[in-house]
Amino acid sequence: MDCLWRNIVNKNTNNMREKNNNSSSSSGISVLGLLGVAFVVLRLCRVIDWSWWYVTMPFWGGLVIVAIVLIIYLILAFISKR
């Protein structure tokens, strides 16, 4: 059994090394996504009694960041044309 486990671990380690060497993109859940999932689970389990608007706010994080950057860009573009 120990030999089988060692073989599985070695294969997984080799696969992870190959993936790290071959690709530069990352896949997975972001911090805001993880926080959003946690809030939804807590809301469904009735641990927190927040509005659904507040519970889903972490999912909007990326959109909010893009909107803020766009607004700053537009303000700077407007100022530089003066």
PDB file of N, CA and C in Angstrom:
ATOM      1  N   MET A   1       0.827  -1.200   0.000  1.00  0.00           N
ATOM      2  CA  MET A   1       0.000   0.000   0.000  1.00  0.00           C
ATOM      3  C   MET A   1       0.868   1.258   0.000  1.00  0.00           C
ATOM      4  N   ASP A   2       1.962   1.219   0.782  1.00  0.00           N
ATOM      5  CA  ASP A   2       2.845   2.369   0.856  1.00  0.00           C
ATOM      6  C   ASP A   2       3.477   2.660  -0.504  1.00  0.00           C
ATOM      7  N   CYS A   3       3.845   1.617  -1.218  1.00  0.00           N
ATOM      8  CA  CYS A   3       4.456   1.775  -2.536  1.00  0.00           C
ATOM      9  C   CYS A   3       3.461   2.400  -3.520  1.00  0.00           C
ATOM     10  N   LEU A   4       2.224   1.985  -3.452  1.00  0.00           N
ATOM     11  CA  LEU A   4       1.187   2.533  -4.325  1.00  0.00           C
ATOM     12  C   LEU A   4       0.982   4.017  -4.028  1.00  0.00           C
ATOM     13  N   TRP A   5       0.931   4.369  -2.765  1.00  0.00           N
ATOM     14  CA  TRP A   5       0.738   5.768  -2.365  1.00  0.00           C
ATOM     15  C   TRP A   5       1.909   6.617  -2.849  1.00  0.00           C
ATOM     16  N   ARG A   6       3.143   6.116  -2.689  1.00  0.00           N
ATOM     17  CA  ARG A   6       4.332   6.847  -3.117  1.00  0.00           C
ATOM     18  C   ARG A   6       4.301   7.055  -4.631  1.00  0.00           C
ATOM     19  N   ASN A   7       3.849   6.057  -5.370  1.00  0.00           N
ATOM     20  CA  ASN A   7       3.759   6.149  -6.819  1.00  0.00           C
ATOM     21  C   ASN A   7       2.744   7.223  -7.229  1.00  0.00           C
ATOM     22  N   ILE A   8       1.604   7.279  -6.545  1.00  0.00           N
ATOM     23  CA  ILE A   8       0.583   8.291  -6.846  1.00  0.00           C
ATOM     24  C   ILE A   8       1.109   9.684  -6.552  1.00  0.00           C
ATOM     25  N   VAL A   9       1.768   9.850  -5.425  1.00  0.00           N
ATOM     26  CA  VAL A   9       2.308  11.157  -5.046  1.00  0.00           C
ATOM     27  C   VAL A   9       3.376  11.605  -6.045  1.00  0.00           C
ATOM     28  N   ASN A  10       4.247  10.692  -6.473  1.00  0.00           N
ATOM     29  CA  ASN A  10       5.283  11.044  -7.439  1.00  0.00           C
ATOM     30  C   ASN A  10       4.687  11.458  -8.772  1.00  0.00           C
ATOM     31  N   LYS A  11       3.656  10.754  -9.223  1.00  0.00           N
ATOM     32  CA  LYS A  11       3.004  11.117 -10.488  1.00  0.00           C
ATOM     33  C   LYS A  11       2.373  12.497 -10.387  1.00  0.00           C
ATOM     34  N   ASN A  12       1.683  12.775  -9.268  1.00  0.00           N
ATOM     35  CA  ASN A  12       1.057  14.082  -9.096  1.00  0.00           C
ATOM     36  C   ASN A  12       2.102  15.184  -9.041  1.00  0.00           C
ATOM     37  N   THR A  13       3.213  14.934  -8.370  1.00  0.00           N
ATOM     38  CA  THR A  13       4.279  15.930  -8.284  1.00  0.00           C
ATOM     39  C   THR A  13       4.872  16.202  -9.656  1.00  0.00           C
ATOM     40  N   ASN A  14       5.098  15.146 -10.430  1.00  0.00           N
ATOM     41  CA  ASN A  14       5.639  15.334 -11.784  1.00  0.00           C
ATOM     42  C   ASN A  14       4.658  16.082 -12.671  1.00  0.00           C
ATOM     43  N   ASN A  15       3.370  15.782 -12.557  1.00  0.00           N
ATOM     44  CA  ASN A  15       2.366  16.489 -13.356  1.00  0.00           C
ATOM     45  C   ASN A  15       2.323  17.965 -12.987  1.00  0.00           C
ATOM     46  N   MET A  16       2.441  18.265 -11.692  1.00  0.00           N
ATOM     47  CA  MET A  16       2.414  19.659 -11.253  1.00  0.00           C
ATOM     48  C   MET A  16       3.639  20.405 -11.778  1.00  0.00           C
ATOM     49  N   ARG A  17       4.796  19.743 -11.777  1.00  0.00           N
ATOM     50  CA  ARG A  17       6.006  20.384 -12.303  1.00  0.00           C
ATOM     51  C   ARG A  17       5.858  20.673 -13.788  1.00  0.00           C
ATOM     52  N   GLU A  18       5.296  19.728 -14.543  1.00  0.00           N
ATOM     53  CA  GLU A  18       5.103  19.936 -15.977  1.00  0.00           C
ATOM     54  C   GLU A  18       4.139  21.079 -16.231  1.00  0.00           C
ATOM     55  N   LYS A  19       3.069  21.149 -15.461  1.00  0.00           N
ATOM     56  CA  LYS A  19       2.097  22.236 -15.644  1.00  0.00           C
ATOM     57  C   LYS A  19       2.733  23.573 -15.319  1.00  0.00           C
ATOM     58  N   ASN A  20       3.541  23.639 -14.257  1.00  0.00           N
ATOM     59  CA  ASN A  20       4.186  24.895 -13.883  1.00  0.00           C
ATOM     60  C   ASN A  20       5.197  25.333 -14.932  1.00  0.00           C
ATOM     61  N   ASN A  21       5.858  24.400 -15.574  1.00  0.00           N
ATOM     62  CA  ASN A  21       6.846  24.751 -16.587  1.00  0.00           C
ATOM     63  C   ASN A  21       6.214  25.114 -17.921  1.00  0.00           C
ATOM     64  N   ASN A  22       5.046  24.572 -18.228  1.00  0.00           N
ATOM     65  CA  ASN A  22       4.453  24.741 -19.548  1.00  0.00           C
ATOM     66  C   ASN A  22       3.475  25.902 -19.642  1.00  0.00           C
ATOM     67  N   SER A  23       2.921  26.343 -18.547  1.00  0.00           N
ATOM     68  CA  SER A  23       1.904  27.395 -18.648  1.00  0.00           C
ATOM     69  C   SER A  23       2.174  28.482 -17.628  1.00  0.00           C
ATOM     70  N   SER A  24       1.832  29.685 -18.021  1.00  0.00           N
ATOM     71  CA  SER A  24       2.029  30.811 -17.113  1.00  0.00           C
ATOM     72  C   SER A  24       0.698  31.341 -16.585  1.00  0.00           C
ATOM     73  N   SER A  25      -0.395  30.772 -17.023  1.00  0.00           N
ATOM     74  CA  SER A  25      -1.690  31.228 -16.538  1.00  0.00           C
ATOM     75  C   SER A  25      -2.090  30.426 -15.312  1.00  0.00           C
ATOM     76  N   SER A  26      -2.849  31.074 -14.458  1.00  0.00           N
ATOM     77  CA  SER A  26      -3.308  30.382 -13.265  1.00  0.00           C
ATOM     78  C   SER A  26      -4.814  30.214 -13.354  1.00  0.00           C
ATOM     79  N   SER A  27      -5.267  29.124 -12.852  1.00  0.00           N
ATOM     80  CA  SER A  27      -6.698  28.904 -12.809  1.00  0.00           C
ATOM     81  C   SER A  27      -7.071  28.587 -11.376  1.00  0.00           C
ATOM     82  N   GLY A  28      -8.222  29.018 -11.009  1.00  0.00           N
ATOM     83  CA  GLY A  28      -8.658  28.792  -9.642  1.00  0.00           C
ATOM     84  C   GLY A  28      -9.556  29.912  -9.195  1.00  0.00           C
ATOM     85  N   ILE A  29      -9.874  29.873  -7.955  1.00  0.00           N
ATOM     86  CA  ILE A  29     -10.800  30.861  -7.411  1.00  0.00           C
ATOM     87  C   ILE A  29     -10.011  32.003  -6.791  1.00  0.00           C
ATOM     88  N   SER A  30     -10.487  33.208  -6.979  1.00  0.00           N
ATOM     89  CA  SER A  30      -9.816  34.365  -6.413  1.00  0.00           C
ATOM     90  C   SER A  30     -10.231  34.547  -4.954  1.00  0.00           C
ATOM     91  N   VAL A  31      -9.564  35.482  -4.304  1.00  0.00           N
ATOM     92  CA  VAL A  31      -9.889  35.761  -2.906  1.00  0.00           C
ATOM     93  C   VAL A  31     -11.322  36.282  -2.800  1.00  0.00           C
ATOM     94  N   LEU A  32     -11.690  37.165  -3.717  1.00  0.00           N
ATOM     95  CA  LEU A  32     -13.056  37.692  -3.678  1.00  0.00           C
ATOM     96  C   LEU A  32     -14.084  36.601  -3.979  1.00  0.00           C
ATOM     97  N   GLY A  33     -13.758  35.706  -4.883  1.00  0.00           N
ATOM     98  CA  GLY A  33     -14.662  34.601  -5.182  1.00  0.00           C
ATOM     99  C   GLY A  33     -14.840  33.676  -3.994  1.00  0.00           C
ATOM    100  N   LEU A  34     -13.734  33.386  -3.311  1.00  0.00           N
ATOM    101  CA  LEU A  34     -13.793  32.537  -2.125  1.00  0.00           C
ATOM    102  C   LEU A  34     -14.601  33.207  -1.024  1.00  0.00           C
ATOM    103  N   LEU A  35     -14.406  34.502  -0.847  1.00  0.00           N
ATOM    104  CA  LEU A  35     -15.172  35.240   0.149  1.00  0.00           C
ATOM    105  C   LEU A  35     -16.655  35.253  -0.201  1.00  0.00           C
ATOM    106  N   GLY A  36     -16.963  35.414  -1.483  1.00  0.00           N
ATOM    107  CA  GLY A  36     -18.357  35.397  -1.920  1.00  0.00           C
ATOM    108  C   GLY A  36     -19.019  34.058  -1.665  1.00  0.00           C
ATOM    109  N   VAL A  37     -18.316  32.981  -1.963  1.00  0.00           N
ATOM    110  CA  VAL A  37     -18.863  31.644  -1.713  1.00  0.00           C
ATOM    111  C   VAL A  37     -19.087  31.448  -0.216  1.00  0.00           C
ATOM    112  N   ALA A  38     -18.138  31.901   0.593  1.00  0.00           N
ATOM    113  CA  ALA A  38     -18.292  31.772   2.050  1.00  0.00           C
ATOM    114  C   ALA A  38     -19.511  32.545   2.529  1.00  0.00           C
ATOM    115  N   PHE A  39     -19.703  33.764   2.020  1.00  0.00           N
ATOM    116  CA  PHE A  39     -20.862  34.557   2.429  1.00  0.00           C
ATOM    117  C   PHE A  39     -22.175  33.887   2.023  1.00  0.00           C
ATOM    118  N   VAL A  40     -22.217  33.334   0.811  1.00  0.00           N
ATOM    119  CA  VAL A  40     -23.440  32.667   0.350  1.00  0.00           C
ATOM    120  C   VAL A  40     -23.751  31.461   1.237  1.00  0.00           C
ATOM    121  N   VAL A  41     -22.724  30.675   1.563  1.00  0.00           N
ATOM    122  CA  VAL A  41     -22.937  29.504   2.428  1.00  0.00           C
ATOM    123  C   VAL A  41     -23.416  29.944   3.808  1.00  0.00           C
ATOM    124  N   LEU A  42     -22.790  30.973   4.354  1.00  0.00           N
ATOM    125  CA  LEU A  42     -23.217  31.467   5.671  1.00  0.00           C
ATOM    126  C   LEU A  42     -24.643  32.000   5.634  1.00  0.00           C
ATOM    127  N   ARG A  43     -24.999  32.639   4.536  1.00  0.00           N
ATOM    128  CA  ARG A  43     -26.372  33.176   4.418  1.00  0.00           C
ATOM    129  C   ARG A  43     -27.380  32.039   4.299  1.00  0.00           C
ATOM    130  N   LEU A  44     -27.052  31.023   3.511  1.00  0.00           N
ATOM    131  CA  LEU A  44     -27.967  29.896   3.338  1.00  0.00           C
ATOM    132  C   LEU A  44     -28.115  29.070   4.619  1.00  0.00           C
ATOM    133  N   CYS A  45     -27.055  29.041   5.423  1.00  0.00           N
ATOM    134  CA  CYS A  45     -27.117  28.313   6.705  1.00  0.00           C
ATOM    135  C   CYS A  45     -27.688  29.178   7.825  1.00  0.00           C
ATOM    136  N   ARG A  46     -28.097  30.373   7.482  1.00  0.00           N
ATOM    137  CA  ARG A  46     -28.702  31.325   8.413  1.00  0.00           C
ATOM    138  C   ARG A  46     -27.771  31.713   9.559  1.00  0.00           C
ATOM    139  N   VAL A  47     -26.472  31.745   9.271  1.00  0.00           N
ATOM    140  CA  VAL A  47     -25.504  32.208  10.251  1.00  0.00           C
ATOM    141  C   VAL A  47     -25.466  33.729  10.245  1.00  0.00           C
ATOM    142  N   ILE A  48     -25.572  34.309   9.056  1.00  0.00           N
ATOM    143  CA  ILE A  48     -25.641  35.761   8.924  1.00  0.00           C
ATOM    144  C   ILE A  48     -27.000  36.118   8.351  1.00  0.00           C
ATOM    145  N   ASP A  49     -27.482  37.283   8.711  1.00  0.00           N
ATOM    146  CA  ASP A  49     -28.792  37.729   8.254  1.00  0.00           C
ATOM    147  C   ASP A  49     -28.652  39.009   7.436  1.00  0.00           C
ATOM    148  N   TRP A  50     -27.738  38.975   6.476  1.00  0.00           N
ATOM    149  CA  TRP A  50     -27.488  40.129   5.635  1.00  0.00           C
ATOM    150  C   TRP A  50     -28.402  40.089   4.425  1.00  0.00           C
ATOM    151  N   SER A  51     -28.563  41.243   3.799  1.00  0.00           N
ATOM    152  CA  SER A  51     -29.270  41.320   2.530  1.00  0.00           C
ATOM    153  C   SER A  51     -28.448  40.590   1.471  1.00  0.00           C
ATOM    154  N   TRP A  52     -29.146  40.061   0.467  1.00  0.00           N
ATOM    155  CA  TRP A  52     -28.438  39.363  -0.600  1.00  0.00           C
ATOM    156  C   TRP A  52     -27.516  40.310  -1.363  1.00  0.00           C
ATOM    157  N   TRP A  53     -27.835  41.613  -1.363  1.00  0.00           N
ATOM    158  CA  TRP A  53     -26.954  42.586  -2.012  1.00  0.00           C
ATOM    159  C   TRP A  53     -25.586  42.575  -1.351  1.00  0.00           C
ATOM    160  N   TYR A  54     -25.553  42.554  -0.023  1.00  0.00           N
ATOM    161  CA  TYR A  54     -24.275  42.532   0.696  1.00  0.00           C
ATOM    162  C   TYR A  54     -23.565  41.192   0.534  1.00  0.00           C
ATOM    163  N   VAL A  55     -24.319  40.128   0.522  1.00  0.00           N
ATOM    164  CA  VAL A  55     -23.733  38.792   0.416  1.00  0.00           C
ATOM    165  C   VAL A  55     -23.019  38.619  -0.929  1.00  0.00           C
ATOM    166  N   THR A  56     -23.600  39.166  -1.993  1.00  0.00           N
ATOM    167  CA  THR A  56     -23.018  38.983  -3.322  1.00  0.00           C
ATOM    168  C   THR A  56     -22.003  40.059  -3.705  1.00  0.00           C
ATOM    169  N   MET A  57     -21.735  41.011  -2.841  1.00  0.00           N
ATOM    170  CA  MET A  57     -20.782  42.078  -3.168  1.00  0.00           C
ATOM    171  C   MET A  57     -19.394  41.587  -3.557  1.00  0.00           C
ATOM    172  N   PRO A  58     -18.839  40.562  -2.927  1.00  0.00           N
ATOM    173  CA  PRO A  58     -17.501  40.115  -3.376  1.00  0.00           C
ATOM    174  C   PRO A  58     -17.465  39.668  -4.832  1.00  0.00           C
ATOM    175  N   PHE A  59     -18.576  39.194  -5.365  1.00  0.00           N
ATOM    176  CA  PHE A  59     -18.603  38.786  -6.765  1.00  0.00           C
ATOM    177  C   PHE A  59     -18.513  39.986  -7.707  1.00  0.00           C
ATOM    178  N   TRP A  60     -18.856  41.158  -7.215  1.00  0.00           N
ATOM    179  CA  TRP A  60     -18.793  42.368  -8.034  1.00  0.00           C
ATOM    180  C   TRP A  60     -17.424  43.004  -7.991  1.00  0.00           C
ATOM    181  N   GLY A  61     -16.515  42.487  -7.184  1.00  0.00           N
ATOM    182  CA  GLY A  61     -15.206  43.099  -6.969  1.00  0.00           C
ATOM    183  C   GLY A  61     -14.459  43.425  -8.242  1.00  0.00           C
ATOM    184  N   GLY A  62     -14.401  42.509  -9.172  1.00  0.00           N
ATOM    185  CA  GLY A  62     -13.695  42.755 -10.427  1.00  0.00           C
ATOM    186  C   GLY A  62     -14.318  43.876 -11.228  1.00  0.00           C
ATOM    187  N   LEU A  63     -15.630  43.905 -11.280  1.00  0.00           N
ATOM    188  CA  LEU A  63     -16.321  44.972 -12.018  1.00  0.00           C
ATOM    189  C   LEU A  63     -16.088  46.328 -11.379  1.00  0.00           C
ATOM    190  N   VAL A  64     -16.076  46.364 -10.070  1.00  0.00           N
ATOM    191  CA  VAL A  64     -15.859  47.627  -9.360  1.00  0.00           C
ATOM    192  C   VAL A  64     -14.449  48.145  -9.628  1.00  0.00           C
ATOM    193  N   ILE A  65     -13.478  47.261  -9.617  1.00  0.00           N
ATOM    194  CA  ILE A  65     -12.094  47.673  -9.879  1.00  0.00           C
ATOM    195  C   ILE A  65     -11.954  48.208 -11.299  1.00  0.00           C
ATOM    196  N   VAL A  66     -12.561  47.547 -12.264  1.00  0.00           N
ATOM    197  CA  VAL A  66     -12.520  48.011 -13.652  1.00  0.00           C
ATOM    198  C   VAL A  66     -13.211  49.373 -13.772  1.00  0.00           C
ATOM    199  N   ALA A  67     -14.345  49.544 -13.112  1.00  0.00           N
ATOM    200  CA  ALA A  67     -15.063  50.820 -13.166  1.00  0.00           C
ATOM    201  C   ALA A  67     -14.235  51.949 -12.563  1.00  0.00           C
ATOM    202  N   ILE A  68     -13.562  51.683 -11.446  1.00  0.00           N
ATOM    203  CA  ILE A  68     -12.739  52.711 -10.805  1.00  0.00           C
ATOM    204  C   ILE A  68     -11.572  53.102 -11.709  1.00  0.00           C
ATOM    205  N   VAL A  69     -10.915  52.121 -12.297  1.00  0.00           N
ATOM    206  CA  VAL A  69      -9.796  52.412 -13.205  1.00  0.00           C
ATOM    207  C   VAL A  69     -10.293  53.209 -14.405  1.00  0.00           C
ATOM    208  N   LEU A  70     -11.437  52.860 -14.956  1.00  0.00           N
ATOM    209  CA  LEU A  70     -11.994  53.579 -16.100  1.00  0.00           C
ATOM    210  C   LEU A  70     -12.340  55.021 -15.740  1.00  0.00           C
ATOM    211  N   ILE A  71     -12.924  55.219 -14.591  1.00  0.00           N
ATOM    212  CA  ILE A  71     -13.271  56.581 -14.149  1.00  0.00           C
ATOM    213  C   ILE A  71     -12.014  57.419 -13.961  1.00  0.00           C
ATOM    214  N   ILE A  72     -10.986  56.851 -13.341  1.00  0.00           N
ATOM    215  CA  ILE A  72      -9.731  57.586 -13.149  1.00  0.00           C
ATOM    216  C   ILE A  72      -9.112  57.930 -14.500  1.00  0.00           C
ATOM    217  N   TYR A  73      -9.142  56.982 -15.422  1.00  0.00           N
ATOM    218  CA  TYR A  73      -8.603  57.228 -16.761  1.00  0.00           C
ATOM    219  C   TYR A  73      -9.357  58.364 -17.456  1.00  0.00           C
ATOM    220  N   LEU A  74     -10.678  58.344 -17.378  1.00  0.00           N
ATOM    221  CA  LEU A  74     -11.473  59.389 -18.027  1.00  0.00           C
ATOM    222  C   LEU A  74     -11.219  60.754 -17.396  1.00  0.00           C
ATOM    223  N   ILE A  75     -11.072  60.795 -16.080  1.00  0.00           N
ATOM    224  CA  ILE A  75     -10.791  62.066 -15.404  1.00  0.00           C
ATOM    225  C   ILE A  75      -9.431  62.600 -15.832  1.00  0.00           C
ATOM    226  N   LEU A  76      -8.428  61.720 -15.859  1.00  0.00           N
ATOM    227  CA  LEU A  76      -7.099  62.156 -16.272  1.00  0.00           C
ATOM    228  C   LEU A  76      -7.079  62.584 -17.737  1.00  0.00           C
ATOM    229  N   ALA A  77      -7.818  61.896 -18.594  1.00  0.00           N
ATOM    230  CA  ALA A  77      -7.898  62.288 -20.001  1.00  0.00           C
ATOM    231  C   ALA A  77      -8.582  63.645 -20.154  1.00  0.00           C
ATOM    232  N   PHE A  78      -9.590  63.897 -19.376  1.00  0.00           N
ATOM    233  CA  PHE A  78     -10.297  65.175 -19.423  1.00  0.00           C
ATOM    234  C   PHE A  78      -9.401  66.304 -18.933  1.00  0.00           C
ATOM    235  N   ILE A  79      -8.649  66.056 -17.869  1.00  0.00           N
ATOM    236  CA  ILE A  79      -7.763  67.070 -17.315  1.00  0.00           C
ATOM    237  C   ILE A  79      -6.620  67.373 -18.279  1.00  0.00           C
ATOM    238  N   SER A  80      -6.084  66.370 -18.928  1.00  0.00           N
ATOM    239  CA  SER A  80      -4.932  66.586 -19.820  1.00  0.00           C
ATOM    240  C   SER A  80      -5.326  67.332 -21.084  1.00  0.00           C
ATOM    241  N   LYS A  81      -6.595  67.318 -21.491  1.00  0.00           N
ATOM    242  CA  LYS A  81      -7.039  68.038 -22.683  1.00  0.00           C
ATOM    243  C   LYS A  81      -7.218  69.514 -22.417  1.00  0.00           C
ATOM    244  N   ARG A  82      -7.280  69.913 -21.196  1.00  0.00           N
ATOM    245  CA  ARG A  82      -7.463  71.340 -20.865  1.00  0.00           C
ATOM    246  C   ARG A  82      -6.245  72.103 -21.132  1.00  0.00           C
TER     247      ARG A  82
END
